[in-house]
Amino acid sequence: ERTITGGDFISELNQSDLVVFDSSTVGLEALLNGIIPVHITHVSSLDVNPNEYDLVFTKVAYDTNDLLKAVRNHKADISKTRDVALSFYNSKDM
């Protein structure tokens, strides 16, 4: 378990296997750096999640069991994560 307490965010990412986030661009930063993001959310929550278009790498956790499953099974072929994250910026919806 790591918590950023004034350190360099990218340095912290480079020491991580996955990133747990709520509603921010942290998930995109994780993808850009080849790290699996896990979005913590609630079924009826309204939040800003730029990773919602990505159903391949970004994991979604609605409860403790989902989070534990994502942590246990986070290994994936991360060679394409950067391309997926960059595709967000090429979206026609922007």
Protein backbone atom coordinates (compact mmCIF):
# COMPACT_ATOMS: atom_id res chain seq x y z
CA GLU A 1 0.00 0.00 0.00
CA ARG A 2 1.37 3.39 -1.00
CA THR A 3 0.01 6.85 -0.47
CA ILE A 4 1.46 9.93 -2.14
CA THR A 5 2.45 12.41 0.54
CA GLY A 6 4.18 15.18 -1.39
CA GLY A 7 6.29 13.00 -3.64
CA ASP A 8 6.49 13.03 -7.42
CA PHE A 9 3.34 11.43 -8.87
CA ILE A 10 5.10 9.84 -11.86
CA SER A 11 7.79 8.36 -9.59
CA GLU A 12 5.05 6.85 -7.45
CA LEU A 13 3.33 5.44 -10.56
CA ASN A 14 6.57 3.83 -11.66
CA GLN A 15 6.62 1.90 -8.37
CA SER A 16 3.03 0.70 -8.68
CA ASP A 17 1.41 -2.40 -10.18
CA LEU A 18 -2.04 -0.83 -10.27
CA VAL A 19 -3.73 2.42 -9.31
CA VAL A 20 -7.02 2.80 -7.45
CA PHE A 21 -8.87 6.01 -8.31
CA ASP A 22 -12.24 7.66 -7.88
CA SER A 23 -13.02 10.41 -10.38
CA SER A 24 -10.04 12.06 -11.96
CA THR A 25 -7.48 11.73 -14.69
CA VAL A 26 -5.36 9.48 -12.46
CA GLY A 27 -6.76 6.51 -14.38
CA LEU A 28 -5.58 7.98 -17.67
CA GLU A 29 -2.15 8.73 -16.21
CA ALA A 30 -1.94 5.12 -15.07
CA LEU A 31 -2.79 3.85 -18.56
CA LEU A 32 -0.28 6.23 -20.13
CA ASN A 33 2.38 4.74 -17.86
CA GLY A 34 1.41 1.09 -18.45
CA ILE A 35 -0.37 0.59 -15.14
CA ILE A 36 -3.80 -0.99 -14.66
CA PRO A 37 -6.32 1.48 -13.17
CA VAL A 38 -9.12 0.36 -10.83
CA HIS A 39 -12.07 2.76 -10.65
CA ILE A 40 -13.80 2.74 -7.26
CA THR A 41 -17.43 3.74 -7.73
CA HIS A 42 -21.04 3.08 -6.75
CA VAL A 43 -23.79 1.81 -9.05
CA SER A 44 -25.75 5.05 -8.79
CA SER A 45 -22.87 7.52 -8.51
CA LEU A 46 -22.40 10.37 -10.92
CA ASP A 47 -18.74 11.11 -11.32
CA VAL A 48 -16.22 12.21 -13.88
CA ASN A 49 -14.39 9.13 -15.07
CA PRO A 50 -12.40 9.66 -18.25
CA ASN A 51 -11.64 5.93 -18.32
CA GLU A 52 -15.28 4.88 -18.76
CA TYR A 53 -14.70 4.29 -22.47
CA ASP A 54 -12.02 1.67 -21.69
CA LEU A 55 -13.46 -1.75 -20.87
CA VAL A 56 -10.24 -3.64 -21.57
CA PHE A 57 -7.74 -2.40 -18.99
CA THR A 58 -9.66 -0.22 -16.55
CA LYS A 59 -11.30 -2.32 -13.85
CA VAL A 60 -14.41 -1.13 -12.00
CA ALA A 61 -15.01 -1.94 -8.35
CA TYR A 62 -18.49 -1.43 -6.92
CA ASP A 63 -17.76 -3.22 -3.65
CA THR A 64 -15.01 -4.93 -1.66
CA ASN A 65 -15.29 -8.17 -3.62
CA ASP A 66 -14.84 -6.34 -6.95
CA LEU A 67 -11.79 -4.52 -5.57
CA LEU A 68 -10.20 -7.72 -4.28
CA LYS A 69 -10.86 -9.45 -7.62
CA ALA A 70 -9.25 -6.55 -9.52
CA VAL A 71 -6.20 -6.57 -7.24
CA ARG A 72 -5.75 -10.34 -7.54
CA ASN A 73 -6.24 -10.38 -11.32
CA HIS A 74 -4.57 -7.15 -12.38
CA LYS A 75 -1.89 -8.73 -14.54
CA ALA A 76 -2.60 -8.04 -18.19
CA ASP A 77 -0.83 -7.35 -21.44
CA ILE A 78 -0.11 -3.68 -20.76
CA SER A 79 1.68 -3.03 -24.04
CA LYS A 80 -1.42 -1.30 -25.45
CA THR A 81 -2.45 0.78 -22.41
CA ARG A 82 -0.78 3.93 -23.73
CA ASP A 83 -2.65 3.67 -27.05
CA VAL A 84 -5.94 3.20 -25.20
CA ALA A 85 -5.31 6.26 -23.02
CA LEU A 86 -4.29 8.40 -25.99
CA SER A 87 -7.45 7.39 -27.84
CA PHE A 88 -9.39 9.29 -25.15
CA TYR A 89 -7.82 12.51 -26.42
CA ASN A 90 -8.72 11.64 -30.01
CA SER A 91 -12.38 11.11 -29.14
CA LYS A 92 -14.95 12.85 -31.36
CA ASP A 93 -16.96 13.63 -28.22
CA MET A 94 -14.42 16.17 -26.99
